């Protein structure tokens, strides 16, 4: 009789272990996938990709010739002055340049009616660009090509974003 209870307990533990392992797999599969396009050998692009991966994103990267990369940017709805060195796509949005992962997550959570977000140029202190307290902005790019400030960095200490 004791054997039956032990076997039942072992069976329940086994089922619980399997459930935990499967839930981890499902959670991993649920990670947002970011498709990044850049030019070959760009160290700051690699730094930004690592930043996204550390924040839980699954990232693929394809190196393109500069003309092809620019075509990706303009095809996504970005205009001159809104671009940087790499372009990402996630959840139907374009993510241009050194955008902090927290803002990518915010974009995906809030789902604004927009093309996406950008950090134009390559500001010091942005993810992949090294340490600095140089201020920069994350811009929301509207469908008509206009922009508005989505976030400012460095973040104010009392800011919730």
Protein backbone atom coordinates (compact mmCIF):
# COMPACT_ATOMS: atom_id res chain seq x y z
CA UNK A 1 0.00 0.00 0.00
CA UNK A 2 2.85 2.40 0.80
CA UNK A 3 4.37 1.58 -2.58
CA UNK A 4 1.22 2.86 -4.31
CA UNK A 5 1.36 6.19 -2.49
CA UNK A 6 5.08 6.57 -3.25
CA UNK A 7 4.49 5.78 -6.92
CA UNK A 8 1.65 8.29 -7.03
CA UNK A 9 3.86 10.93 -5.38
CA UNK A 10 6.71 10.21 -7.82
CA UNK A 11 4.26 10.46 -10.70
CA UNK A 12 3.01 13.83 -9.46
CA UNK A 13 6.56 15.12 -9.03
CA UNK A 14 7.43 13.94 -12.54
CA UNK A 15 4.35 15.65 -13.97
CA UNK A 16 5.19 18.84 -12.08
CA UNK A 17 8.76 18.77 -13.39
CA UNK A 18 7.53 18.29 -16.95
CA UNK A 19 5.05 21.17 -16.52
CA UNK A 20 7.80 23.47 -15.23
CA UNK A 21 10.11 22.56 -18.11
CA UNK A 22 7.35 23.09 -20.67
CA UNK A 23 6.34 26.44 -19.18
CA UNK A 24 9.97 27.58 -19.50
CA UNK A 25 9.96 26.51 -23.14
CA UNK A 26 6.70 28.33 -23.78
CA UNK A 27 8.05 31.45 -22.11
CA UNK A 28 11.19 31.28 -24.23
CA UNK A 29 9.09 30.86 -27.37
CA UNK A 30 7.02 33.87 -26.33
CA UNK A 31 10.08 36.17 -26.35
CA UNK A 32 9.64 38.98 -28.84
CA UNK A 33 11.71 38.48 -31.96
CA UNK A 34 13.60 41.46 -33.32
CA UNK A 35 14.90 41.28 -36.87
CA UNK A 36 17.92 43.59 -37.20
CA UNK A 37 19.59 44.81 -40.36
CA UNK A 38 23.04 46.41 -40.22
CA UNK A 39 26.30 46.65 -42.09
CA UNK A 40 29.04 44.10 -41.51
CA UNK A 41 31.39 44.53 -38.57
CA UNK A 42 29.65 47.46 -36.85
CA UNK A 43 30.63 47.18 -33.19
CA UNK A 44 27.92 49.48 -31.86
CA UNK A 45 25.25 47.47 -33.73
CA UNK A 46 26.56 44.31 -32.07
CA UNK A 47 26.46 46.12 -28.70
CA UNK A 48 22.82 47.09 -29.25
CA UNK A 49 21.89 43.54 -30.25
CA UNK A 50 23.49 42.24 -27.02
CA UNK A 51 21.56 44.88 -25.06
CA UNK A 52 18.28 43.58 -26.54
CA UNK A 53 19.21 39.95 -25.89
CA UNK A 54 20.07 40.74 -22.27
CA UNK A 55 16.59 42.31 -21.98
CA UNK A 56 14.96 39.05 -23.12
CA UNK A 57 14.49 39.66 -26.84
CA UNK A 58 15.31 37.03 -29.43
CA UNK A 59 17.39 38.79 -32.10
CA UNK A 60 18.42 37.89 -35.62
CA UNK A 61 20.85 40.04 -37.57
CA UNK A 62 21.40 40.29 -41.30
CA UNK A 63 24.26 42.32 -42.72
CA UNK A 64 23.40 44.34 -45.81
CA UNK A 65 25.20 46.63 -48.20
CA UNK A 66 24.65 50.29 -47.26
CA UNK A 67 22.29 50.93 -50.21
CA UNK A 68 20.15 47.94 -49.27
CA UNK A 69 20.10 48.99 -45.62
CA UNK A 70 19.01 52.50 -46.58
CA UNK A 71 16.24 50.99 -48.73
CA UNK A 72 15.01 49.05 -45.64
CA UNK A 73 14.90 52.30 -43.66
CA UNK A 74 12.99 54.30 -46.26
CA UNK A 75 10.74 51.35 -47.04
CA UNK A 76 9.77 51.26 -43.36
CA UNK A 77 8.71 54.91 -43.50
CA UNK A 78 11.77 56.60 -42.02
CA UNK A 79 12.89 59.94 -43.40
CA UNK A 80 16.31 61.61 -43.48
CA UNK A 81 17.21 62.82 -40.01
CA UNK A 82 15.37 59.88 -38.40
CA UNK A 83 17.98 57.21 -39.10
CA UNK A 84 20.99 55.63 -37.44
CA UNK A 85 23.33 52.74 -38.22
CA UNK A 86 20.98 49.76 -37.83
CA UNK A 87 17.29 49.07 -38.30
CA UNK A 88 15.16 46.59 -36.37
CA UNK A 89 11.66 45.28 -36.87
CA UNK A 90 9.47 43.91 -34.08
CA UNK A 91 5.73 43.52 -33.62
CA UNK A 92 4.93 45.43 -36.80
CA UNK A 93 7.11 48.41 -35.82
CA UNK A 94 10.46 49.73 -36.97
CA UNK A 95 13.03 50.34 -34.22
CA UNK A 96 15.79 52.54 -35.59
CA UNK A 97 19.15 53.03 -33.93
CA UNK A 98 20.22 52.76 -30.34
CA UNK A 99 16.79 52.59 -28.70
CA UNK A 100 16.83 51.32 -25.09
CA UNK A 101 15.13 47.93 -24.67
CA UNK A 102 12.77 49.41 -22.07
CA UNK A 103 11.37 51.71 -24.75
CA UNK A 104 10.99 48.83 -27.21
CA UNK A 105 8.99 46.97 -24.54
CA UNK A 106 6.92 50.09 -23.89
CA UNK A 107 6.20 50.46 -27.61
CA UNK A 108 5.00 46.86 -27.80
CA UNK A 109 2.87 47.25 -24.67
CA UNK A 110 1.25 50.56 -25.63
CA UNK A 111 0.85 49.74 -29.35
CA UNK A 112 0.58 53.32 -30.66
CA UNK A 113 -0.63 53.93 -34.21
CA UNK A 114 2.84 54.71 -35.54
CA UNK A 115 5.63 53.52 -37.82
CA UNK A 116 7.88 52.94 -34.81
CA UNK A 117 10.55 54.60 -32.69
CA UNK A 118 14.01 55.94 -33.39
CA UNK A 119 17.11 57.33 -31.76
CA UNK A 120 18.57 59.29 -34.67
CA UNK A 121 22.32 59.34 -35.19
CA UNK A 122 24.48 57.58 -32.60
CA UNK A 123 24.37 59.47 -29.29
CA UNK A 124 26.95 58.66 -26.64
CA UNK A 125 25.43 56.80 -23.71
CA UNK A 126 22.72 55.09 -25.73
CA UNK A 127 22.74 51.26 -25.70
CA UNK A 128 25.73 50.01 -27.67
CA UNK A 129 27.46 53.40 -27.63
CA UNK A 130 29.23 53.24 -24.28
CA UNK A 131 28.77 55.11 -21.01
CA UNK A 132 27.83 58.78 -20.99
CA UNK A 133 25.21 61.04 -19.51
CA UNK A 134 24.83 62.94 -22.80
CA UNK A 135 21.12 63.63 -23.25
CA UNK A 136 19.24 62.13 -26.19
CA UNK A 137 15.65 61.47 -27.18
CA UNK A 138 13.71 58.46 -28.37
CA UNK A 139 11.26 59.69 -31.00
CA UNK A 140 7.93 58.18 -31.96
CA UNK A 141 7.56 58.26 -35.76
CA UNK A 142 3.96 58.83 -36.82
CA UNK A 143 2.55 57.38 -40.03
CA UNK A 144 2.74 60.81 -41.69
CA UNK A 145 6.49 60.92 -40.92
CA UNK A 146 6.26 63.49 -38.13
CA UNK A 147 7.89 62.78 -34.79
CA UNK A 148 7.19 63.39 -31.13
CA UNK A 149 9.29 62.68 -28.05
CA UNK A 150 8.61 59.17 -26.72
CA UNK A 151 11.31 59.31 -23.99
CA UNK A 152 14.25 61.46 -22.91
CA UNK A 153 17.55 60.13 -21.60
CA UNK A 154 19.03 60.15 -19.14
CA UNK A 155 15.73 59.45 -17.42
CA UNK A 156 14.76 61.72 -14.58
CA UNK A 157 15.12 59.93 -11.24
CA UNK A 158 11.41 60.23 -10.54
CA UNK A 159 10.27 59.29 -14.06
CA UNK A 160 8.29 56.11 -14.46
CA UNK A 161 9.45 55.51 -18.03
